[in-house]
Amino acid sequence: GVTGQTPAVPTPDGQVADLESGTVKVVTDLMTLELDMRGGSILNLFLNDYPVSLEQPDDKFELMRPTPPNLFVAQSGLIAGEGSAAPTHETLFQTTQQEFRLEDGKDTLNVDLFWTDDKGVRVVKRYIFTRGSYLVTVQHLVENNSGSPWTAREYRQLMRGEPGEQSADSQFLYTYTGGAIYSPEEKYDKISFDDMKESKLNKDVKGGWIAMLQHYFLGAWVPPPDQVEHFYTNVLPGGRYVLGAYTPPVTLSGEQSHTFSTGFVAGPKLQDELEAIAPGLELSVDYGWLTVLAKPIFWLLKQIQSVVINWGWSIILLTVLIKLAFFKLSETSYKSMANMRKMTPRIQALKDRYGGDKQRMNQAMMELYKKEKINPLGGCLPILVQIPVFIALYWVLLESVE
């Protein structure tokens, strides 16, 4: 059951338009999107701050779209219990206007869609957009005026198609497209399309989230942290993959109200912002096994950028700093190489003397190294130490949308 009364669902002002499976356009400072009147699903979503390329600043990046290639939509709804009725992502909603805009001077925008059944159950599906944030609150405000008990769960899911063909210049860059989930126990876990084909995800999680990732962007549902959610996957015909979560059932007696509420994120993988939204969400920026090195490198890169306000110069200065940090190692390495070069004529003389006798040759070389106090690996080891750091830097530059 539900404890406490939630505020009654507000009645819409003005005329309710019945848009037969039309769409509603929503424009905020960060995104431009279309909601489907059928189910209130997010169909198209463009990111206003991210052009497709610098040459085409007016063509905005399309993160979500209802058709292949790169099909990606966000769906949510209510699953009614026995004897109850509730709107799913297939149900037709109504609305008061066909376009909603975040007005200048306003910090939030509410977009409301309405549904009622003939027994007196009323549902408002509300999207709350906030200026400057990629986190959208999605709510189902339920008012049960039917006089009999009503039961339902809220579900949210992300549906993606197989990624489109990669362009030739990006084939040598491996970047992940697929699902990911987070739970406090098992932390960050990728659920690839192949994993979804092999077995269905089926687990209860409290304080986690579900997401569909691509190179620099993600879509994610972030349920309330104190609520136990059931995470699931589904594979649909036509190469479509579903990753979803649903809530425990809620029962309302007659004349009771309840608000289901969850967070939805659609945007770039900006690590600081993602970390503030939910634990582990910043891990969707995947530096692989070198995360432990990559995170401090990215932090340092951001610090430099905050001073010089130019990513190009920041990368150059960071590289110089890393080189300076390894200066002593490099110096040792170069000295060792120089000493080895001095030995070249003497090693050649040993080769000439011992010819085909490998064993005697190696013995004589070891004696020579010992006498001259030379470590033949002295040139390699300092370089080997630096390799993981520079691979981590490469991953930072590859994965960070900033």
Protein backbone atom coordinates (compact mmCIF):
# COMPACT_ATOMS: atom_id res chain seq x y z
CA GLY A 1 0.00 0.00 0.00
CA VAL A 2 0.97 3.63 0.01
CA THR A 3 1.69 5.60 3.13
CA GLY A 4 0.62 9.21 3.25
CA GLN A 5 -1.37 11.19 0.77
CA THR A 6 0.29 12.73 -2.26
CA PRO A 7 -1.08 16.01 -3.65
CA ALA A 8 -4.06 15.57 -5.95
CA VAL A 9 -3.30 15.56 -9.66
CA PRO A 10 -3.87 19.06 -11.05
CA THR A 11 -6.51 19.46 -13.75
CA PRO A 12 -5.20 20.83 -17.05
CA ASP A 13 -6.10 24.38 -17.93
CA GLY A 14 -7.69 24.94 -21.33
CA GLN A 15 -8.96 22.51 -23.91
CA VAL A 16 -7.53 18.96 -24.02
CA ALA A 17 -6.55 18.18 -27.60
CA ASP A 18 -6.95 14.60 -28.77
CA LEU A 19 -3.94 14.19 -31.05
CA GLU A 20 -4.33 10.79 -32.66
CA SER A 21 -0.83 9.30 -32.23
CA GLY A 22 0.72 12.68 -33.06
CA THR A 23 3.76 14.12 -31.35
CA VAL A 24 4.47 16.93 -28.91
CA LYS A 25 7.58 19.07 -29.44
CA VAL A 26 9.61 20.17 -26.41
CA VAL A 27 12.40 22.75 -26.61
CA THR A 28 14.68 23.52 -23.63
CA ASP A 29 18.09 25.21 -23.39
CA LEU A 30 19.91 21.85 -23.76
CA MET A 31 17.61 19.62 -25.80
CA THR A 32 14.97 19.56 -28.50
CA LEU A 33 12.77 16.48 -28.44
CA GLU A 34 9.52 14.89 -29.57
CA LEU A 35 7.17 12.95 -27.32
CA ASP A 36 4.83 10.41 -28.86
CA MET A 37 1.19 10.89 -27.84
CA ARG A 38 1.02 7.09 -27.94
CA GLY A 39 2.59 6.19 -24.59
CA GLY A 40 4.39 9.50 -24.09
CA SER A 41 7.67 7.89 -25.26
CA ILE A 42 10.71 10.01 -26.14
CA LEU A 43 11.13 9.50 -29.89
CA ASN A 44 13.60 12.09 -31.18
CA LEU A 45 16.11 13.93 -29.05
CA PHE A 46 18.66 16.46 -30.33
CA LEU A 47 21.38 17.97 -28.11
CA ASN A 48 21.46 21.75 -28.69
CA ASP A 49 25.05 22.22 -27.49
CA TYR A 50 26.51 19.41 -29.61
CA PRO A 51 26.67 19.88 -33.39
CA VAL A 52 27.24 16.86 -35.65
CA SER A 53 30.54 18.50 -36.64
CA LEU A 54 32.30 21.86 -36.27
CA GLU A 55 31.73 22.48 -40.00
CA GLN A 56 27.94 22.17 -39.50
CA PRO A 57 27.22 24.05 -36.23
CA ASP A 58 23.48 24.22 -36.97
CA ASP A 59 23.05 20.44 -37.42
CA LYS A 60 22.59 19.20 -33.87
CA PHE A 61 23.57 15.71 -32.75
CA GLU A 62 20.60 13.31 -32.69
CA LEU A 63 20.94 11.06 -29.64
CA MET A 64 17.52 9.37 -29.87
CA ARG A 65 15.46 8.42 -32.92
CA PRO A 66 12.53 6.05 -33.59
CA THR A 67 13.89 4.48 -36.81
CA PRO A 68 17.04 2.54 -37.79
CA PRO A 69 19.94 2.96 -38.13
CA ASN A 70 20.80 3.84 -34.51
CA LEU A 71 17.19 3.42 -33.33
CA PHE A 72 17.02 4.54 -29.69
CA VAL A 73 13.85 5.41 -27.72
CA ALA A 74 12.89 5.77 -24.05
CA GLN A 75 9.59 4.23 -22.97
CA SER A 76 7.72 4.19 -19.66
CA GLY A 77 4.29 3.36 -18.34
CA LEU A 78 2.25 1.56 -15.73
CA ILE A 79 1.57 -2.19 -15.49
CA ALA A 80 -1.90 -2.61 -13.98
CA GLY A 81 -2.63 -5.33 -11.46
CA GLU A 82 -5.60 -7.71 -11.59
CA GLY A 83 -8.87 -5.85 -12.15
CA SER A 84 -7.16 -2.43 -12.62
CA ALA A 85 -6.51 -0.37 -15.76
CA ALA A 86 -3.45 1.84 -16.40
CA PRO A 87 -1.66 3.47 -19.37
CA THR A 88 1.31 1.64 -20.89
CA HIS A 89 3.77 2.95 -23.53
CA GLU A 90 1.17 1.83 -26.11
CA THR A 91 -1.76 3.84 -24.65
CA LEU A 92 -2.95 7.04 -26.32
CA PHE A 93 -2.59 10.16 -24.13
CA GLN A 94 -4.06 13.64 -24.53
CA THR A 95 -2.47 17.05 -24.06
CA THR A 96 -3.29 20.77 -24.05
CA GLN A 97 -0.73 21.98 -26.61
CA GLN A 98 1.51 20.62 -29.33
CA GLU A 99 4.64 22.55 -28.40
CA PHE A 100 6.25 23.34 -25.04
CA ARG A 101 9.21 25.71 -24.57
CA LEU A 102 11.37 26.58 -21.59
CA GLU A 103 10.74 30.34 -21.45
CA ASP A 104 13.52 32.87 -20.78
CA GLY A 105 13.76 33.59 -17.08
CA LYS A 106 12.10 30.27 -16.15
CA ASP A 107 14.18 27.46 -14.63
CA THR A 108 11.75 24.57 -15.09
CA LEU A 109 9.28 23.34 -17.69
CA ASN A 110 6.47 20.86 -17.00
CA VAL A 111 5.06 18.88 -19.90
CA ASP A 112 1.83 17.07 -18.96
CA LEU A 113 0.04 14.27 -20.82
CA PHE A 114 -3.35 13.00 -19.59
CA TRP A 115 -5.20 9.69 -19.45
CA THR A 116 -8.45 8.68 -17.73
CA ASP A 117 -10.44 5.47 -17.74
CA ASP A 118 -14.20 5.12 -17.46
CA LYS A 119 -14.02 4.02 -13.80
CA GLY A 120 -12.53 7.28 -12.56
CA VAL A 121 -8.79 6.48 -12.51
CA ARG A 122 -6.81 9.47 -13.75
CA VAL A 123 -3.12 9.54 -14.69
CA VAL A 124 -0.96 12.54 -15.56
CA LYS A 125 2.36 11.66 -17.17
CA ARG A 126 4.65 14.58 -16.39
CA TYR A 127 8.10 15.43 -17.73
CA ILE A 128 9.95 18.05 -15.64
CA PHE A 129 12.85 19.73 -17.48
CA THR A 130 15.35 21.90 -15.57
CA ARG A 131 17.52 24.63 -17.08
CA GLY A 132 21.18 23.63 -17.35
CA SER A 133 20.56 19.96 -16.51
CA TYR A 134 20.44 16.79 -18.61
CA LEU A 135 18.45 15.13 -15.80
CA VAL A 136 14.71 15.05 -16.53
CA THR A 137 12.18 13.95 -13.90
CA VAL A 138 9.48 11.64 -15.28
CA GLN A 139 6.36 11.10 -13.17
CA HIS A 140 3.08 9.22 -13.29
CA LEU A 141 0.63 11.06 -10.99
CA VAL A 142 -2.24 8.70 -10.25
CA GLU A 143 -5.59 9.67 -8.75
CA ASN A 144 -7.92 6.81 -7.93
CA ASN A 145 -11.53 8.05 -7.89
CA SER A 146 -12.97 4.68 -8.89
CA GLY A 147 -14.18 3.77 -5.39
CA SER A 148 -12.38 0.41 -5.53
CA PRO A 149 -8.73 -0.57 -4.93
CA TRP A 150 -6.29 0.05 -7.80
CA THR A 151 -2.86 -1.62 -8.18
CA ALA A 152 0.01 -1.01 -10.60
CA ARG A 153 3.79 -0.87 -11.00
CA GLU A 154 5.72 1.76 -12.97
CA TYR A 155 8.19 0.51 -15.59
CA ARG A 156 10.84 2.36 -17.61
CA GLN A 157 12.85 0.96 -20.48
CA LEU A 158 15.38 1.90 -23.13
CA MET A 159 15.12 0.32 -26.58
CA ARG A 160 18.07 0.35 -28.98
CA GLY A 161 18.72 -1.10 -32.39
CA GLU A 162 22.04 -2.50 -33.58
CA PRO A 163 24.48 0.39 -34.12
CA GLY A 164 24.80 1.68 -37.69
CA GLU A 165 27.87 1.10 -39.84
CA GLN A 166 30.97 2.81 -38.49
CA SER A 167 32.76 5.21 -40.79
CA ALA A 168 36.12 4.05 -42.13
CA ASP A 169 38.12 6.55 -40.06
CA SER A 170 36.60 5.32 -36.78
CA GLN A 171 37.13 1.60 -37.37
CA PHE A 172 40.46 1.48 -35.56
CA LEU A 173 38.91 3.12 -32.47
CA TYR A 174 37.07 0.59 -30.36
CA THR A 175 34.15 2.22 -28.58
CA TYR A 176 31.30 0.42 -26.84
CA THR A 177 27.64 0.67 -27.85
CA GLY A 178 25.25 -1.28 -25.65
CA GLY A 179 23.69 -1.55 -22.21
CA ALA A 180 25.11 -0.99 -18.74
CA ILE A 181 23.67 -1.33 -15.25
CA TYR A 182 24.87 -0.31 -11.80
CA SER A 183 24.17 -1.88 -8.43
CA PRO A 184 25.85 -1.00 -5.11
CA GLU A 185 26.94 -4.65 -4.72
CA GLU A 186 28.36 -5.41 -8.18
CA LYS A 187 29.09 -1.80 -9.22
CA TYR A 188 29.32 -0.97 -12.94
CA ASP A 189 28.45 -3.83 -15.29
CA LYS A 190 28.14 -3.79 -19.08
CA ILE A 191 25.22 -5.73 -20.56
CA SER A 192 26.10 -6.05 -24.25
CA PHE A 193 23.62 -6.90 -27.01
CA ASP A 194 25.21 -10.38 -27.16
CA ASP A 195 24.65 -10.80 -23.39
CA MET A 196 20.98 -9.90 -23.92
CA LYS A 197 20.70 -12.53 -26.67
CA GLU A 198 22.30 -15.21 -24.49
CA SER A 199 20.29 -14.77 -21.32
CA LYS A 200 17.65 -12.48 -19.83
CA LEU A 201 18.70 -10.09 -17.11
CA ASN A 202 16.53 -10.72 -14.08
CA LYS A 203 17.61 -9.12 -10.80
CA ASP A 204 16.40 -6.89 -7.98
CA VAL A 205 18.52 -3.80 -7.32
CA LYS A 206 18.26 -0.99 -4.78
CA GLY A 207 20.13 2.25 -5.48
CA GLY A 208 21.17 1.41 -9.05
CA TRP A 209 20.50 2.62 -12.60
CA ILE A 210 20.17 1.30 -16.18
CA ALA A 211 21.65 2.89 -19.30
CA MET A 212 22.29 2.52 -23.01
CA LEU A 213 25.72 3.86 -23.94
CA GLN A 214 27.50 4.99 -27.07
CA HIS A 215 30.84 6.71 -27.64
CA TYR A 216 30.33 10.14 -26.03
CA PHE A 217 26.64 9.98 -25.03
CA LEU A 218 24.15 8.00 -22.98
CA GLY A 219 20.49 7.57 -22.12
CA ALA A 220 19.76 6.33 -18.58
CA TRP A 221 16.90 5.74 -16.16
CA VAL A 222 17.82 6.57 -12.56
CA PRO A 223 15.17 5.26 -10.11
CA PRO A 224 14.83 6.67 -6.56
CA PRO A 225 17.86 5.39 -4.56
CA ASP A 226 15.77 3.96 -1.71
CA GLN A 227 13.50 1.85 -3.95
CA VAL A 228 14.03 -1.81 -4.86
CA GLU A 229 13.70 -2.13 -8.64
CA HIS A 230 13.53 -5.20 -10.83
CA PHE A 231 16.01 -4.95 -13.76
CA TYR A 232 15.23 -6.90 -16.94
CA THR A 233 16.25 -7.26 -20.59
CA ASN A 234 14.37 -8.32 -23.70
CA VAL A 235 15.31 -9.00 -27.32
CA LEU A 236 12.63 -8.01 -29.85
CA PRO A 237 12.35 -8.84 -33.57
CA GLY A 238 14.20 -6.56 -35.98
CA GLY A 239 17.41 -6.37 -33.92
CA ARG A 240 15.89 -4.33 -31.09
CA TYR A 241 17.19 -4.65 -27.55
CA VAL A 242 15.35 -3.59 -24.40
CA LEU A 243 16.88 -2.83 -21.00
CA GLY A 244 14.32 -1.94 -18.34
CA ALA A 245 13.34 -1.65 -14.68
CA TYR A 246 10.03 -1.81 -12.84
CA THR A 247 8.91 -0.85 -9.33
CA PRO A 248 7.18 -2.90 -6.65
CA PRO A 249 3.37 -2.81 -6.95
CA VAL A 250 1.51 0.09 -5.34
CA THR A 251 -2.11 -0.30 -4.20
CA LEU A 252 -4.42 2.68 -3.78
CA SER A 253 -7.73 2.41 -2.01
CA GLY A 254 -10.60 4.48 -3.41
CA GLU A 255 -9.96 8.26 -3.33
CA GLN A 256 -6.19 7.84 -2.86
CA SER A 257 -3.38 9.40 -4.91
CA HIS A 258 0.21 8.39 -5.61
CA THR A 259 3.15 9.77 -7.59
CA PHE A 260 5.63 7.42 -9.27
CA SER A 261 8.81 9.41 -9.95
CA THR A 262 12.12 8.58 -11.62
CA GLY A 263 15.08 10.35 -13.21
CA PHE A 264 15.88 10.19 -16.91
CA VAL A 265 19.25 11.32 -18.31
CA ALA A 266 19.90 11.93 -22.01
CA GLY A 267 23.07 13.73 -22.96
CA PRO A 268 26.85 13.81 -23.12
CA LYS A 269 28.97 11.83 -20.66
CA LEU A 270 30.12 14.84 -18.60
CA GLN A 271 31.76 13.09 -15.67
CA ASP A 272 31.23 15.67 -12.90
CA GLU A 273 27.55 16.09 -13.79
CA LEU A 274 26.94 12.33 -14.04
CA GLU A 275 28.64 11.74 -10.68
CA ALA A 276 26.33 14.31 -9.08
CA ILE A 277 23.22 12.60 -10.55
CA ALA A 278 23.86 9.04 -9.30
CA PRO A 279 26.67 6.92 -7.83
CA GLY A 280 28.70 5.20 -10.55
CA LEU A 281 27.06 7.03 -13.46
CA GLU A 282 30.40 8.66 -14.30
CA LEU A 283 31.81 5.14 -14.89
CA SER A 284 29.90 5.12 -18.19
CA VAL A 285 32.98 7.04 -19.40
CA ASP A 286 34.88 3.80 -19.75
CA TYR A 287 38.67 4.00 -19.46
CA GLY A 288 38.88 0.21 -19.19
CA TRP A 289 41.49 -1.42 -16.93
CA LEU A 290 43.51 1.81 -16.76
CA THR A 291 40.73 3.78 -14.99
CA VAL A 292 42.94 4.09 -11.90
CA LEU A 293 45.49 6.09 -13.97
CA ALA A 294 43.06 7.73 -16.40
CA LYS A 295 40.86 9.41 -13.75
CA PRO A 296 43.71 11.46 -12.18
CA ILE A 297 45.01 12.33 -15.68
CA PHE A 298 41.55 13.60 -16.68
CA TRP A 299 41.29 15.55 -13.40
CA LEU A 300 44.66 17.22 -14.10
CA LEU A 301 43.64 17.95 -17.71
CA LYS A 302 40.48 19.69 -16.44
CA GLN A 303 42.46 21.77 -13.94
CA ILE A 304 44.79 22.98 -16.71
CA GLN A 305 41.83 23.68 -19.01
CA SER A 306 40.13 25.79 -16.32
CA VAL A 307 43.19 28.07 -16.43
CA VAL A 308 44.07 28.18 -20.15
CA ILE A 309 40.43 27.74 -21.45
CA ASN A 310 41.60 25.73 -24.47
CA TRP A 311 41.62 21.95 -24.69
CA GLY A 312 44.38 21.87 -27.33
CA TRP A 313 46.84 23.82 -25.14
CA SER A 314 45.70 21.81 -22.10
CA ILE A 315 46.68 18.55 -23.82
CA ILE A 316 50.09 19.98 -24.83
CA LEU A 317 50.77 21.27 -21.30
CA LEU A 318 49.61 18.00 -19.73
CA THR A 319 51.96 16.03 -21.99
CA VAL A 320 54.84 18.33 -20.99
CA LEU A 321 53.97 17.81 -17.29
CA ILE A 322 53.91 14.02 -17.70
CA LYS A 323 57.26 14.19 -19.54
CA LEU A 324 58.69 16.30 -16.69
CA ALA A 325 57.40 13.83 -14.11
CA PHE A 326 59.24 11.05 -15.94
CA PHE A 327 62.33 13.17 -16.64
CA LYS A 328 64.61 11.28 -14.21
CA LEU A 329 63.47 7.91 -15.58
CA SER A 330 63.99 9.05 -19.16
CA GLU A 331 67.43 10.43 -18.28
CA THR A 332 68.44 7.08 -16.76
CA SER A 333 67.11 5.35 -19.85
CA TYR A 334 69.02 7.59 -22.28
CA LYS A 335 72.28 7.29 -20.26
CA SER A 336 71.92 3.51 -20.26
CA MET A 337 71.32 3.51 -24.04
CA ALA A 338 74.36 5.78 -24.58
CA ASN A 339 76.56 3.41 -22.53
CA MET A 340 75.26 0.48 -24.56
CA ARG A 341 76.17 2.33 -27.77
CA LYS A 342 79.74 2.83 -26.51
CA MET A 343 79.98 -0.93 -26.03
CA THR A 344 78.94 -1.71 -29.64
CA PRO A 345 82.54 -2.00 -31.05
CA ARG A 346 83.60 -4.25 -28.14
CA ILE A 347 80.50 -6.47 -28.55
CA GLN A 348 81.27 -6.73 -32.28
CA ALA A 349 84.84 -7.81 -31.41
CA LEU A 350 83.42 -10.55 -29.13
CA LYS A 351 81.11 -11.72 -31.96
CA ASP A 352 84.12 -11.93 -34.31
CA ARG A 353 86.16 -13.82 -31.71
CA TYR A 354 83.56 -16.43 -30.66
CA GLY A 355 81.76 -16.74 -34.01
CA GLY A 356 79.14 -19.47 -33.77
CA ASP A 357 79.67 -20.38 -30.08
CA LYS A 358 76.55 -18.73 -28.61
CA GLN A 359 77.16 -19.91 -25.05
CA ARG A 360 80.73 -18.54 -24.85
CA MET A 361 79.58 -15.35 -26.56
CA ASN A 362 76.76 -14.73 -23.97
CA GLN A 363 79.15 -15.50 -21.11
CA ALA A 364 81.73 -13.01 -22.41
CA MET A 365 79.03 -10.34 -22.86
CA MET A 366 77.75 -10.80 -19.28
CA GLU A 367 81.33 -10.42 -17.98
CA LEU A 368 81.73 -7.24 -20.05
CA TYR A 369 78.43 -5.77 -18.67
CA LYS A 370 79.49 -6.65 -15.12
CA LYS A 371 82.94 -5.10 -15.52
CA GLU A 372 81.51 -1.88 -17.04
CA LYS A 373 78.53 -1.80 -14.58
CA ILE A 374 75.94 -1.75 -17.39
CA ASN A 375 72.38 -3.08 -17.04
CA PRO A 376 71.24 -4.21 -20.52
CA LEU A 377 67.58 -3.67 -19.45
CA GLY A 378 68.33 -0.20 -18.06
CA GLY A 379 67.15 1.42 -21.30
CA CYS A 380 63.86 -0.50 -21.48
CA LEU A 381 62.49 -0.51 -17.93
CA PRO A 382 62.02 3.28 -17.55
CA ILE A 383 60.17 3.31 -20.88
CA LEU A 384 57.98 0.33 -19.85
CA VAL A 385 56.91 2.21 -16.70
CA GLN A 386 55.70 5.13 -18.84
CA ILE A 387 53.70 3.04 -21.33
CA PRO A 388 50.56 2.52 -19.14
CA VAL A 389 50.46 6.25 -18.37
CA PHE A 390 50.49 7.21 -22.03
CA ILE A 391 47.92 4.51 -22.91
CA ALA A 392 45.71 5.93 -20.11
CA LEU A 393 46.18 9.43 -21.60
CA TYR A 394 45.15 8.04 -25.00
CA TRP A 395 41.94 6.61 -23.45
CA VAL A 396 41.20 9.92 -21.73
CA LEU A 397 41.48 11.73 -25.07
CA LEU A 398 39.43 9.04 -26.85
CA GLU A 399 36.59 8.68 -24.32
CA SER A 400 36.08 12.17 -22.84
CA VAL A 401 33.36 14.18 -24.60
CA GLU A 402 34.74 17.38 -23.06
